[in-house]
Amino acid sequence: MSAFQAMVDAQFDDPNLGLDAIWRAGGSDEGLPVRVRYRSPEGIVGLQGNQFDLDATLLDIRLSEVAEPAEGDLVDVLDEDGALRETVRVIGLAGIDARKLVRTCEVALLAPDDPDDP
């Protein structure tokens, strides 16, 4: 294991940074227990004299746990007691880090009564 992989694992395993989750590829019933990290960057973009506040919710996943995350995957994020906190859907794939250890995914909260929930 490289020093970089050890650092990434330490971040995901830290209870202050990482969260337990169940990754459901394609929204399937079968899920894989994983650790994820949330990020919520904000940016203000100017376009033709207007300013827009861009809000995105990003989720990091170790590629050692989910080798090929994809749009449409569902992620059940768990609370400290292991109960379901929320479910998010992967709506976009951002970059992979330089060491090819972590993939960043854009996610959207799936409402509990969402009719599109498989």
PDB file of N, CA and C in Angstrom:
ATOM      1  N   MET A   1       0.849  -1.174   0.000  1.00  0.00           N
ATOM      2  CA  MET A   1       0.000   0.000   0.000  1.00  0.00           C
ATOM      3  C   MET A   1       0.896   1.238   0.000  1.00  0.00           C
ATOM      4  N   SER A   2       0.558   2.171  -0.868  1.00  0.00           N
ATOM      5  CA  SER A   2       1.348   3.402  -0.948  1.00  0.00           C
ATOM      6  C   SER A   2       0.949   4.358   0.173  1.00  0.00           C
ATOM      7  N   ALA A   3       1.796   5.342   0.400  1.00  0.00           N
ATOM      8  CA  ALA A   3       1.496   6.361   1.408  1.00  0.00           C
ATOM      9  C   ALA A   3       0.238   7.135   1.024  1.00  0.00           C
ATOM     10  N   PHE A   4       0.019   7.349  -0.273  1.00  0.00           N
ATOM     11  CA  PHE A   4      -1.167   8.071  -0.718  1.00  0.00           C
ATOM     12  C   PHE A   4      -2.433   7.263  -0.446  1.00  0.00           C
ATOM     13  N   GLN A   5      -2.371   5.967  -0.724  1.00  0.00           N
ATOM     14  CA  GLN A   5      -3.533   5.124  -0.460  1.00  0.00           C
ATOM     15  C   GLN A   5      -3.817   5.058   1.038  1.00  0.00           C
ATOM     16  N   ALA A   6      -2.786   4.995   1.856  1.00  0.00           N
ATOM     17  CA  ALA A   6      -2.971   4.980   3.311  1.00  0.00           C
ATOM     18  C   ALA A   6      -3.620   6.276   3.789  1.00  0.00           C
ATOM     19  N   MET A   7      -3.215   7.409   3.201  1.00  0.00           N
ATOM     20  CA  MET A   7      -3.804   8.702   3.569  1.00  0.00           C
ATOM     21  C   MET A   7      -5.276   8.763   3.170  1.00  0.00           C
ATOM     22  N   VAL A   8      -5.599   8.303   1.976  1.00  0.00           N
ATOM     23  CA  VAL A   8      -6.994   8.296   1.513  1.00  0.00           C
ATOM     24  C   VAL A   8      -7.827   7.395   2.417  1.00  0.00           C
ATOM     25  N   ASP A   9      -7.326   6.215   2.727  1.00  0.00           N
ATOM     26  CA  ASP A   9      -8.065   5.300   3.600  1.00  0.00           C
ATOM     27  C   ASP A   9      -8.288   5.913   4.978  1.00  0.00           C
ATOM     28  N   ALA A  10      -7.294   6.609   5.498  1.00  0.00           N
ATOM     29  CA  ALA A  10      -7.429   7.248   6.811  1.00  0.00           C
ATOM     30  C   ALA A  10      -8.515   8.317   6.781  1.00  0.00           C
ATOM     31  N   GLN A  11      -8.604   9.069   5.696  1.00  0.00           N
ATOM     32  CA  GLN A  11      -9.640  10.092   5.592  1.00  0.00           C
ATOM     33  C   GLN A  11     -11.033   9.469   5.534  1.00  0.00           C
ATOM     34  N   PHE A  12     -11.201   8.444   4.721  1.00  0.00           N
ATOM     35  CA  PHE A  12     -12.510   7.802   4.604  1.00  0.00           C
ATOM     36  C   PHE A  12     -12.895   7.097   5.899  1.00  0.00           C
ATOM     37  N   ASP A  13     -11.920   6.516   6.587  1.00  0.00           N
ATOM     38  CA  ASP A  13     -12.207   5.777   7.816  1.00  0.00           C
ATOM     39  C   ASP A  13     -12.413   6.680   9.026  1.00  0.00           C
ATOM     40  N   ASP A  14     -11.986   7.939   8.933  1.00  0.00           N
ATOM     41  CA  ASP A  14     -12.165   8.883  10.036  1.00  0.00           C
ATOM     42  C   ASP A  14     -13.659   9.144  10.238  1.00  0.00           C
ATOM     43  N   PRO A  15     -14.172   8.965  11.458  1.00  0.00           N
ATOM     44  CA  PRO A  15     -15.607   9.160  11.695  1.00  0.00           C
ATOM     45  C   PRO A  15     -16.072  10.604  11.506  1.00  0.00           C
ATOM     46  N   ASN A  16     -15.154  11.559  11.482  1.00  0.00           N
ATOM     47  CA  ASN A  16     -15.517  12.953  11.258  1.00  0.00           C
ATOM     48  C   ASN A  16     -15.587  13.315   9.780  1.00  0.00           C
ATOM     49  N   LEU A  17     -14.985  12.509   8.930  1.00  0.00           N
ATOM     50  CA  LEU A  17     -14.945  12.807   7.501  1.00  0.00           C
ATOM     51  C   LEU A  17     -15.752  11.822   6.665  1.00  0.00           C
ATOM     52  N   GLY A  18     -15.654  10.549   6.987  1.00  0.00           N
ATOM     53  CA  GLY A  18     -16.308   9.520   6.197  1.00  0.00           C
ATOM     54  C   GLY A  18     -17.627   9.088   6.808  1.00  0.00           C
ATOM     55  N   LEU A  19     -18.507   8.578   5.953  1.00  0.00           N
ATOM     56  CA  LEU A  19     -19.809   8.093   6.378  1.00  0.00           C
ATOM     57  C   LEU A  19     -20.021   6.683   5.852  1.00  0.00           C
ATOM     58  N   ASP A  20     -20.705   5.860   6.628  1.00  0.00           N
ATOM     59  CA  ASP A  20     -21.105   4.543   6.150  1.00  0.00           C
ATOM     60  C   ASP A  20     -22.248   4.714   5.158  1.00  0.00           C
ATOM     61  N   ALA A  21     -22.242   3.875   4.135  1.00  0.00           N
ATOM     62  CA  ALA A  21     -23.291   3.943   3.123  1.00  0.00           C
ATOM     63  C   ALA A  21     -23.441   2.584   2.464  1.00  0.00           C
ATOM     64  N   ILE A  22     -24.542   2.438   1.754  1.00  0.00           N
ATOM     65  CA  ILE A  22     -24.784   1.255   0.924  1.00  0.00           C
ATOM     66  C   ILE A  22     -24.871   1.750  -0.514  1.00  0.00           C
ATOM     67  N   TRP A  23     -23.968   1.259  -1.367  1.00  0.00           N
ATOM     68  CA  TRP A  23     -23.918   1.652  -2.780  1.00  0.00           C
ATOM     69  C   TRP A  23     -24.721   0.641  -3.571  1.00  0.00           C
ATOM     70  N   ARG A  24     -25.747   1.119  -4.287  1.00  0.00           N
ATOM     71  CA  ARG A  24     -26.601   0.235  -5.080  1.00  0.00           C
ATOM     72  C   ARG A  24     -26.447   0.584  -6.559  1.00  0.00           C
ATOM     73  N   ALA A  25     -25.612  -0.186  -7.236  1.00  0.00           N
ATOM     74  CA  ALA A  25     -25.325   0.055  -8.655  1.00  0.00           C
ATOM     75  C   ALA A  25     -26.604  -0.036  -9.468  1.00  0.00           C
ATOM     76  N   GLY A  26     -26.864   1.003 -10.249  1.00  0.00           N
ATOM     77  CA  GLY A  26     -28.060   1.024 -11.085  1.00  0.00           C
ATOM     78  C   GLY A  26     -29.349   1.050 -10.298  1.00  0.00           C
ATOM     79  N   GLY A  27     -29.284   1.287  -8.995  1.00  0.00           N
ATOM     80  CA  GLY A  27     -30.473   1.312  -8.151  1.00  0.00           C
ATOM     81  C   GLY A  27     -30.959  -0.067  -7.757  1.00  0.00           C
ATOM     82  N   SER A  28     -30.109  -1.082  -7.936  1.00  0.00           N
ATOM     83  CA  SER A  28     -30.517  -2.452  -7.645  1.00  0.00           C
ATOM     84  C   SER A  28     -30.826  -2.648  -6.162  1.00  0.00           C
ATOM     85  N   ASP A  29     -31.510  -3.747  -5.862  1.00  0.00           N
ATOM     86  CA  ASP A  29     -31.829  -4.065  -4.465  1.00  0.00           C
ATOM     87  C   ASP A  29     -30.587  -4.485  -3.701  1.00  0.00           C
ATOM     88  N   GLU A  30     -29.663  -5.126  -4.385  1.00  0.00           N
ATOM     89  CA  GLU A  30     -28.430  -5.555  -3.733  1.00  0.00           C
ATOM     90  C   GLU A  30     -27.528  -4.346  -3.527  1.00  0.00           C
ATOM     91  N   GLY A  31     -26.925  -4.269  -2.370  1.00  0.00           N
ATOM     92  CA  GLY A  31     -26.061  -3.131  -2.105  1.00  0.00           C
ATOM     93  C   GLY A  31     -24.721  -3.565  -1.559  1.00  0.00           C
ATOM     94  N   LEU A  32     -23.765  -2.688  -1.671  1.00  0.00           N
ATOM     95  CA  LEU A  32     -22.404  -2.931  -1.222  1.00  0.00           C
ATOM     96  C   LEU A  32     -22.073  -1.931  -0.119  1.00  0.00           C
ATOM     97  N   PRO A  33     -21.697  -2.404   1.083  1.00  0.00           N
ATOM     98  CA  PRO A  33     -21.317  -1.452   2.135  1.00  0.00           C
ATOM     99  C   PRO A  33     -20.017  -0.739   1.771  1.00  0.00           C
ATOM    100  N   VAL A  34     -20.040   0.592   1.871  1.00  0.00           N
ATOM    101  CA  VAL A  34     -18.890   1.414   1.511  1.00  0.00           C
ATOM    102  C   VAL A  34     -18.761   2.557   2.510  1.00  0.00           C
ATOM    103  N   ARG A  35     -17.673   3.312   2.367  1.00  0.00           N
ATOM    104  CA  ARG A  35     -17.493   4.574   3.090  1.00  0.00           C
ATOM    105  C   ARG A  35     -17.444   5.675   2.045  1.00  0.00           C
ATOM    106  N   VAL A  36     -18.110   6.784   2.306  1.00  0.00           N
ATOM    107  CA  VAL A  36     -18.151   7.909   1.374  1.00  0.00           C
ATOM    108  C   VAL A  36     -17.800   9.196   2.114  1.00  0.00           C
ATOM    109  N   ARG A  37     -17.451  10.208   1.334  1.00  0.00           N
ATOM    110  CA  ARG A  37     -17.216  11.558   1.875  1.00  0.00           C
ATOM    111  C   ARG A  37     -18.084  12.521   1.090  1.00  0.00           C
ATOM    112  N   TYR A  38     -18.757  13.417   1.806  1.00  0.00           N
ATOM    113  CA  TYR A  38     -19.543  14.475   1.180  1.00  0.00           C
ATOM    114  C   TYR A  38     -18.689  15.720   0.986  1.00  0.00           C
ATOM    115  N   ARG A  39     -18.950  16.433  -0.095  1.00  0.00           N
ATOM    116  CA  ARG A  39     -18.373  17.759  -0.311  1.00  0.00           C
ATOM    117  C   ARG A  39     -19.461  18.623  -0.918  1.00  0.00           C
ATOM    118  N   SER A  40     -19.545  19.858  -0.487  1.00  0.00           N
ATOM    119  CA  SER A  40     -20.539  20.792  -1.022  1.00  0.00           C
ATOM    120  C   SER A  40     -19.881  22.110  -1.394  1.00  0.00           C
ATOM    121  N   PRO A  41     -19.164  22.126  -2.508  1.00  0.00           N
ATOM    122  CA  PRO A  41     -18.520  23.382  -2.916  1.00  0.00           C
ATOM    123  C   PRO A  41     -19.564  24.367  -3.412  1.00  0.00           C
ATOM    124  N   GLU A  42     -19.279  25.613  -3.249  1.00  0.00           N
ATOM    125  CA  GLU A  42     -20.140  26.657  -3.777  1.00  0.00           C
ATOM    126  C   GLU A  42     -19.323  27.548  -4.678  1.00  0.00           C
ATOM    127  N   GLY A  43     -19.946  28.065  -5.669  1.00  0.00           N
ATOM    128  CA  GLY A  43     -19.269  28.984  -6.558  1.00  0.00           C
ATOM    129  C   GLY A  43     -20.249  29.997  -7.106  1.00  0.00           C
ATOM    130  N   ILE A  44     -19.752  31.144  -7.419  1.00  0.00           N
ATOM    131  CA  ILE A  44     -20.587  32.166  -8.041  1.00  0.00           C
ATOM    132  C   ILE A  44     -20.024  32.410  -9.424  1.00  0.00           C
ATOM    133  N   VAL A  45     -20.887  32.260 -10.418  1.00  0.00           N
ATOM    134  CA  VAL A  45     -20.480  32.375 -11.809  1.00  0.00           C
ATOM    135  C   VAL A  45     -21.192  33.572 -12.422  1.00  0.00           C
ATOM    136  N   GLY A  46     -20.441  34.373 -13.154  1.00  0.00           N
ATOM    137  CA  GLY A  46     -21.038  35.509 -13.853  1.00  0.00           C
ATOM    138  C   GLY A  46     -21.293  35.164 -15.308  1.00  0.00           C
ATOM    139  N   LEU A  47     -22.465  35.555 -15.805  1.00  0.00           N
ATOM    140  CA  LEU A  47     -22.808  35.292 -17.194  1.00  0.00           C
ATOM    141  C   LEU A  47     -23.652  36.456 -17.700  1.00  0.00           C
ATOM    142  N   GLN A  48     -23.170  37.170 -18.675  1.00  0.00           N
ATOM    143  CA  GLN A  48     -23.872  38.291 -19.299  1.00  0.00           C
ATOM    144  C   GLN A  48     -24.397  39.290 -18.258  1.00  0.00           C
ATOM    145  N   GLY A  49     -23.561  39.658 -17.305  1.00  0.00           N
ATOM    146  CA  GLY A  49     -23.936  40.651 -16.310  1.00  0.00           C
ATOM    147  C   GLY A  49     -24.742  40.106 -15.146  1.00  0.00           C
ATOM    148  N   ASN A  50     -25.107  38.845 -15.176  1.00  0.00           N
ATOM    149  CA  ASN A  50     -25.847  38.221 -14.076  1.00  0.00           C
ATOM    150  C   ASN A  50     -24.904  37.344 -13.277  1.00  0.00           C
ATOM    151  N   GLN A  51     -25.241  37.136 -12.018  1.00  0.00           N
ATOM    152  CA  GLN A  51     -24.454  36.232 -11.186  1.00  0.00           C
ATOM    153  C   GLN A  51     -25.344  35.095 -10.713  1.00  0.00           C
ATOM    154  N   PHE A  52     -24.819  33.876 -10.807  1.00  0.00           N
ATOM    155  CA  PHE A  52     -25.553  32.696 -10.398  1.00  0.00           C
ATOM    156  C   PHE A  52     -24.775  31.970  -9.316  1.00  0.00           C
ATOM    157  N   ASP A  53     -25.472  31.569  -8.284  1.00  0.00           N
ATOM    158  CA  ASP A  53     -24.871  30.805  -7.195  1.00  0.00           C
ATOM    159  C   ASP A  53     -25.039  29.328  -7.528  1.00  0.00           C
ATOM    160  N   LEU A  54     -23.931  28.680  -7.806  1.00  0.00           N
ATOM    161  CA  LEU A  54     -23.977  27.259  -8.142  1.00  0.00           C
ATOM    162  C   LEU A  54     -23.809  26.438  -6.883  1.00  0.00           C
ATOM    163  N   ASP A  55     -24.744  25.602  -6.631  1.00  0.00           N
ATOM    164  CA  ASP A  55     -24.715  24.736  -5.469  1.00  0.00           C
ATOM    165  C   ASP A  55     -24.690  23.300  -5.961  1.00  0.00           C
ATOM    166  N   ALA A  56     -23.728  22.549  -5.566  1.00  0.00           N
ATOM    167  CA  ALA A  56     -23.656  21.147  -5.969  1.00  0.00           C
ATOM    168  C   ALA A  56     -23.347  20.313  -4.737  1.00  0.00           C
ATOM    169  N   THR A  57     -23.841  19.113  -4.737  1.00  0.00           N
ATOM    170  CA  THR A  57     -23.482  18.179  -3.689  1.00  0.00           C
ATOM    171  C   THR A  57     -22.645  17.090  -4.348  1.00  0.00           C
ATOM    172  N   LEU A  58     -21.444  16.942  -3.839  1.00  0.00           N
ATOM    173  CA  LEU A  58     -20.523  15.961  -4.387  1.00  0.00           C
ATOM    174  C   LEU A  58     -20.250  14.887  -3.349  1.00  0.00           C
ATOM    175  N   LEU A  59     -20.025  13.701  -3.841  1.00  0.00           N
ATOM    176  CA  LEU A  59     -19.747  12.572  -2.979  1.00  0.00           C
ATOM    177  C   LEU A  59     -18.499  11.879  -3.514  1.00  0.00           C
ATOM    178  N   ASP A  60     -17.545  11.612  -2.650  1.00  0.00           N
ATOM    179  CA  ASP A  60     -16.319  10.904  -3.032  1.00  0.00           C
ATOM    180  C   ASP A  60     -16.457   9.436  -2.653  1.00  0.00           C
ATOM    181  N   ILE A  61     -15.994   8.575  -3.547  1.00  0.00           N
ATOM    182  CA  ILE A  61     -15.996   7.130  -3.299  1.00  0.00           C
ATOM    183  C   ILE A  61     -14.630   6.579  -3.677  1.00  0.00           C
ATOM    184  N   ARG A  62     -14.129   5.666  -2.862  1.00  0.00           N
ATOM    185  CA  ARG A  62     -12.852   5.026  -3.207  1.00  0.00           C
ATOM    186  C   ARG A  62     -13.082   4.045  -4.350  1.00  0.00           C
ATOM    187  N   LEU A  63     -12.225   4.120  -5.351  1.00  0.00           N
ATOM    188  CA  LEU A  63     -12.340   3.201  -6.482  1.00  0.00           C
ATOM    189  C   LEU A  63     -12.020   1.768  -6.074  1.00  0.00           C
ATOM    190  N   SER A  64     -11.358   1.589  -4.936  1.00  0.00           N
ATOM    191  CA  SER A  64     -11.115   0.237  -4.431  1.00  0.00           C
ATOM    192  C   SER A  64     -12.410  -0.402  -3.922  1.00  0.00           C
ATOM    193  N   GLU A  65     -13.418   0.421  -3.628  1.00  0.00           N
ATOM    194  CA  GLU A  65     -14.709  -0.104  -3.159  1.00  0.00           C
ATOM    195  C   GLU A  65     -15.734  -0.197  -4.282  1.00  0.00           C
ATOM    196  N   VAL A  66     -15.792   0.826  -5.132  1.00  0.00           N
ATOM    197  CA  VAL A  66     -16.703   0.842  -6.280  1.00  0.00           C
ATOM    198  C   VAL A  66     -15.856   1.214  -7.493  1.00  0.00           C
ATOM    199  N   ALA A  67     -15.502   0.211  -8.261  1.00  0.00           N
ATOM    200  CA  ALA A  67     -14.567   0.419  -9.369  1.00  0.00           C
ATOM    201  C   ALA A  67     -15.145   1.284 -10.482  1.00  0.00           C
ATOM    202  N   GLU A  68     -16.462   1.175 -10.718  1.00  0.00           N
ATOM    203  CA  GLU A  68     -17.079   1.905 -11.819  1.00  0.00           C
ATOM    204  C   GLU A  68     -18.390   2.546 -11.386  1.00  0.00           C
ATOM    205  N   PRO A  69     -18.332   3.614 -10.589  1.00  0.00           N
ATOM    206  CA  PRO A  69     -19.577   4.304 -10.258  1.00  0.00           C
ATOM    207  C   PRO A  69     -20.199   4.850 -11.532  1.00  0.00           C
ATOM    208  N   ALA A  70     -21.536   4.911 -11.566  1.00  0.00           N
ATOM    209  CA  ALA A  70     -22.216   5.344 -12.786  1.00  0.00           C
ATOM    210  C   ALA A  70     -23.430   6.195 -12.450  1.00  0.00           C
ATOM    211  N   GLU A  71     -23.819   7.009 -13.417  1.00  0.00           N
ATOM    212  CA  GLU A  71     -25.048   7.778 -13.260  1.00  0.00           C
ATOM    213  C   GLU A  71     -26.203   6.804 -13.053  1.00  0.00           C
ATOM    214  N   GLY A  72     -27.082   7.149 -12.119  1.00  0.00           N
ATOM    215  CA  GLY A  72     -28.222   6.289 -11.810  1.00  0.00           C
ATOM    216  C   GLY A  72     -27.992   5.399 -10.604  1.00  0.00           C
ATOM    217  N   ASP A  73     -26.747   5.270 -10.158  1.00  0.00           N
ATOM    218  CA  ASP A  73     -26.495   4.498  -8.940  1.00  0.00           C
ATOM    219  C   ASP A  73     -27.154   5.216  -7.766  1.00  0.00           C
ATOM    220  N   LEU A  74     -27.655   4.433  -6.817  1.00  0.00           N
ATOM    221  CA  LEU A  74     -28.242   4.990  -5.604  1.00  0.00           C
ATOM    222  C   LEU A  74     -27.303   4.737  -4.439  1.00  0.00           C
ATOM    223  N   VAL A  75     -27.260   5.682  -3.503  1.00  0.00           N
ATOM    224  CA  VAL A  75     -26.415   5.559  -2.334  1.00  0.00           C
ATOM    225  C   VAL A  75     -27.274   5.836  -1.109  1.00  0.00           C
ATOM    226  N   ASP A  76     -27.413   4.821  -0.258  1.00  0.00           N
ATOM    227  CA  ASP A  76     -28.117   4.975   1.011  1.00  0.00           C
ATOM    228  C   ASP A  76     -27.082   5.391   2.050  1.00  0.00           C
ATOM    229  N   VAL A  77     -27.154   6.633   2.487  1.00  0.00           N
ATOM    230  CA  VAL A  77     -26.216   7.151   3.482  1.00  0.00           C
ATOM    231  C   VAL A  77     -26.797   6.840   4.859  1.00  0.00           C
ATOM    232  N   LEU A  78     -25.970   6.262   5.711  1.00  0.00           N
ATOM    233  CA  LEU A  78     -26.432   5.814   7.019  1.00  0.00           C
ATOM    234  C   LEU A  78     -26.012   6.789   8.112  1.00  0.00           C
ATOM    235  N   ASP A  79     -26.774   6.808   9.207  1.00  0.00           N
ATOM    236  CA  ASP A  79     -26.394   7.647  10.336  1.00  0.00           C
ATOM    237  C   ASP A  79     -25.458   6.864  11.257  1.00  0.00           C
ATOM    238  N   GLU A  80     -25.114   7.460  12.392  1.00  0.00           N
ATOM    239  CA  GLU A  80     -24.156   6.837  13.311  1.00  0.00           C
ATOM    240  C   GLU A  80     -24.643   5.503  13.870  1.00  0.00           C
ATOM    241  N   ASP A  81     -25.971   5.312  13.895  1.00  0.00           N
ATOM    242  CA  ASP A  81     -26.550   4.069  14.419  1.00  0.00           C
ATOM    243  C   ASP A  81     -26.771   3.026  13.332  1.00  0.00           C
ATOM    244  N   GLY A  82     -26.420   3.345  12.095  1.00  0.00           N
ATOM    245  CA  GLY A  82     -26.589   2.412  10.989  1.00  0.00           C
ATOM    246  C   GLY A  82     -27.962   2.474  10.352  1.00  0.00           C
ATOM    247  N   ALA A  83     -28.778   3.448  10.750  1.00  0.00           N
ATOM    248  CA  ALA A  83     -30.107   3.617  10.150  1.00  0.00           C
ATOM    249  C   ALA A  83     -29.997   4.524   8.924  1.00  0.00           C
ATOM    250  N   LEU A  84     -30.930   4.372   8.018  1.00  0.00           N
ATOM    251  CA  LEU A  84     -30.937   5.171   6.793  1.00  0.00           C
ATOM    252  C   LEU A  84     -31.132   6.646   7.128  1.00  0.00           C
ATOM    253  N   ARG A  85     -30.185   7.473   6.708  1.00  0.00           N
ATOM    254  CA  ARG A  85     -30.271   8.923   6.896  1.00  0.00           C
ATOM    255  C   ARG A  85     -30.898   9.587   5.682  1.00  0.00           C
ATOM    256  N   GLU A  86     -30.422   9.187   4.491  1.00  0.00           N
ATOM    257  CA  GLU A  86     -30.948   9.722   3.242  1.00  0.00           C
ATOM    258  C   GLU A  86     -30.455   8.869   2.088  1.00  0.00           C
ATOM    259  N   THR A  87     -31.166   8.985   0.983  1.00  0.00           N
ATOM    260  CA  THR A  87     -30.757   8.305  -0.240  1.00  0.00           C
ATOM    261  C   THR A  87     -30.484   9.354  -1.297  1.00  0.00           C
ATOM    262  N   VAL A  88     -29.351   9.211  -1.972  1.00  0.00           N
ATOM    263  CA  VAL A  88     -28.992  10.121  -3.056  1.00  0.00           C
ATOM    264  C   VAL A  88     -28.781   9.317  -4.328  1.00  0.00           C
ATOM    265  N   ARG A  89     -29.010   9.988  -5.461  1.00  0.00           N
ATOM    266  CA  ARG A  89     -28.803   9.375  -6.777  1.00  0.00           C
ATOM    267  C   ARG A  89     -27.609  10.051  -7.433  1.00  0.00           C
ATOM    268  N   VAL A  90     -26.747   9.258  -8.037  1.00  0.00           N
ATOM    269  CA  VAL A  90     -25.615   9.805  -8.795  1.00  0.00           C
ATOM    270  C   VAL A  90     -26.181  10.392 -10.081  1.00  0.00           C
ATOM    271  N   ILE A  91     -25.957  11.715 -10.260  1.00  0.00           N
ATOM    272  CA  ILE A  91     -26.486  12.387 -11.453  1.00  0.00           C
ATOM    273  C   ILE A  91     -25.379  12.837 -12.398  1.00  0.00           C
ATOM    274  N   GLY A  92     -24.147  12.686 -11.973  1.00  0.00           N
ATOM    275  CA  GLY A  92     -23.031  13.064 -12.830  1.00  0.00           C
ATOM    276  C   GLY A  92     -21.723  12.567 -12.256  1.00  0.00           C
ATOM    277  N   LEU A  93     -20.767  12.357 -13.114  1.00  0.00           N
ATOM    278  CA  LEU A  93     -19.454  11.890 -12.689  1.00  0.00           C
ATOM    279  C   LEU A  93     -18.435  12.991 -12.938  1.00  0.00           C
ATOM    280  N   ALA A  94     -17.740  13.357 -11.900  1.00  0.00           N
ATOM    281  CA  ALA A  94     -16.675  14.350 -12.026  1.00  0.00           C
ATOM    282  C   ALA A  94     -15.360  13.591 -12.177  1.00  0.00           C
ATOM    283  N   GLY A  95     -14.288  14.221 -11.818  1.00  0.00           N
ATOM    284  CA  GLY A  95     -12.976  13.642 -12.058  1.00  0.00           C
ATOM    285  C   GLY A  95     -12.558  12.553 -11.104  1.00  0.00           C
ATOM    286  N   ILE A  96     -11.478  11.921 -11.511  1.00  0.00           N
ATOM    287  CA  ILE A  96     -10.779  10.947 -10.671  1.00  0.00           C
ATOM    288  C   ILE A  96      -9.490  11.630 -10.238  1.00  0.00           C
ATOM    289  N   ASP A  97      -9.089  11.439  -8.981  1.00  0.00           N
ATOM    290  CA  ASP A  97      -7.879  12.101  -8.500  1.00  0.00           C
ATOM    291  C   ASP A  97      -6.649  11.609  -9.267  1.00  0.00           C
ATOM    292  N   ALA A  98      -5.561  12.334  -9.136  1.00  0.00           N
ATOM    293  CA  ALA A  98      -4.347  12.063  -9.913  1.00  0.00           C
ATOM    294  C   ALA A  98      -3.786  10.668  -9.665  1.00  0.00           C
ATOM    295  N   ARG A  99      -3.985  10.133  -8.471  1.00  0.00           N
ATOM    296  CA  ARG A  99      -3.462   8.802  -8.138  1.00  0.00           C
ATOM    297  C   ARG A  99      -4.436   7.674  -8.470  1.00  0.00           C
ATOM    298  N   LYS A 100      -5.612   8.045  -9.014  1.00  0.00           N
ATOM    299  CA  LYS A 100      -6.647   7.079  -9.404  1.00  0.00           C
ATOM    300  C   LYS A 100      -7.132   6.247  -8.212  1.00  0.00           C
ATOM    301  N   LEU A 101      -7.356   6.957  -7.094  1.00  0.00           N
ATOM    302  CA  LEU A 101      -7.839   6.305  -5.877  1.00  0.00           C
ATOM    303  C   LEU A 101      -9.280   6.680  -5.543  1.00  0.00           C
ATOM    304  N   VAL A 102      -9.695   7.894  -5.928  1.00  0.00           N
ATOM    305  CA  VAL A 102     -11.000   8.421  -5.524  1.00  0.00           C
ATOM    306  C   VAL A 102     -11.730   9.007  -6.726  1.00  0.00           C
ATOM    307  N   ARG A 103     -13.009   8.689  -6.846  1.00  0.00           N
ATOM    308  CA  ARG A 103     -13.873   9.259  -7.891  1.00  0.00           C
ATOM    309  C   ARG A 103     -14.852  10.202  -7.218  1.00  0.00           C
ATOM    310  N   THR A 104     -15.065  11.363  -7.789  1.00  0.00           N
ATOM    311  CA  THR A 104     -16.041  12.309  -7.285  1.00  0.00           C
ATOM    312  C   THR A 104     -17.293  12.220  -8.149  1.00  0.00           C
ATOM    313  N   CYS A 105     -18.441  12.107  -7.480  1.00  0.00           N
ATOM    314  CA  CYS A 105     -19.726  11.994  -8.165  1.00  0.00           C
ATOM    315  C   CYS A 105     -20.624  13.136  -7.717  1.00  0.00           C
ATOM    316  N   GLU A 106     -21.374  13.715  -8.650  1.00  0.00           N
ATOM    317  CA  GLU A 106     -22.394  14.680  -8.260  1.00  0.00           C
ATOM    318  C   GLU A 106     -23.648  13.896  -7.930  1.00  0.00           C
ATOM    319  N   VAL A 107     -24.278  14.245  -6.813  1.00  0.00           N
ATOM    320  CA  VAL A 107     -25.461  13.512  -6.360  1.00  0.00           C
ATOM    321  C   VAL A 107     -26.606  14.474  -6.070  1.00  0.00           C
ATOM    322  N   ALA A 108     -27.811  13.940  -6.101  1.00  0.00           N
ATOM    323  CA  ALA A 108     -29.006  14.702  -5.758  1.00  0.00           C
ATOM    324  C   ALA A 108     -29.811  13.883  -4.769  1.00  0.00           C
ATOM    325  N   LEU A 109     -30.383  14.570  -3.805  1.00  0.00           N
ATOM    326  CA  LEU A 109     -31.198  13.917  -2.791  1.00  0.00           C
ATOM    327  C   LEU A 109     -32.430  13.323  -3.444  1.00  0.00           C
ATOM    328  N   LEU A 110     -32.713  12.096  -3.119  1.00  0.00           N
ATOM    329  CA  LEU A 110     -33.890  11.413  -3.631  1.00  0.00           C
ATOM    330  C   LEU A 110     -34.970  11.540  -2.564  1.00  0.00           C
ATOM    331  N   ALA A 111     -36.040  12.221  -2.889  1.00  0.00           N
ATOM    332  CA  ALA A 111     -37.122  12.418  -1.922  1.00  0.00           C
ATOM    333  C   ALA A 111     -37.716  11.061  -1.550  1.00  0.00           C
ATOM    334  N   PRO A 112     -38.113  10.873  -0.286  1.00  0.00           N
ATOM    335  CA  PRO A 112     -38.648   9.579   0.155  1.00  0.00           C
ATOM    336  C   PRO A 112     -39.845   9.105  -0.643  1.00  0.00           C
ATOM    337  N   ASP A 113     -40.643  10.035  -1.179  1.00  0.00           N
ATOM    338  CA  ASP A 113     -41.834   9.628  -1.933  1.00  0.00           C
ATOM    339  C   ASP A 113     -41.658   9.839  -3.435  1.00  0.00           C
ATOM    340  N   ASP A 114     -40.395   9.867  -3.884  1.00  0.00           N
ATOM    341  CA  ASP A 114     -40.103  10.089  -5.297  1.00  0.00           C
ATOM    342  C   ASP A 114     -40.625   8.915  -6.122  1.00  0.00           C
ATOM    343  N   PRO A 115     -41.508   9.166  -7.096  1.00  0.00           N
ATOM    344  CA  PRO A 115     -42.054   8.066  -7.905  1.00  0.00           C
ATOM    345  C   PRO A 115     -41.014   7.393  -8.787  1.00  0.00           C
ATOM    346  N   ASP A 116     -39.874   8.048  -9.017  1.00  0.00           N
ATOM    347  CA  ASP A 116     -38.820   7.441  -9.842  1.00  0.00           C
ATOM    348  C   ASP A 116     -37.943   6.492  -9.051  1.00  0.00           C
ATOM    349  N   ASP A 117     -38.175   6.378  -7.754  1.00  0.00           N
ATOM    350  CA  ASP A 117     -37.376   5.495  -6.895  1.00  0.00           C
ATOM    351  C   ASP A 117     -37.664   4.055  -7.293  1.00  0.00           C
ATOM    352  N   PRO A 118     -36.627   3.330  -7.759  1.00  0.00           N
ATOM    353  CA  PRO A 118     -36.870   1.939  -8.200  1.00  0.00           C
ATOM    354  C   PRO A 118     -37.163   1.025  -7.033  1.00  0.00           C
TER     355      PRO A 118
END
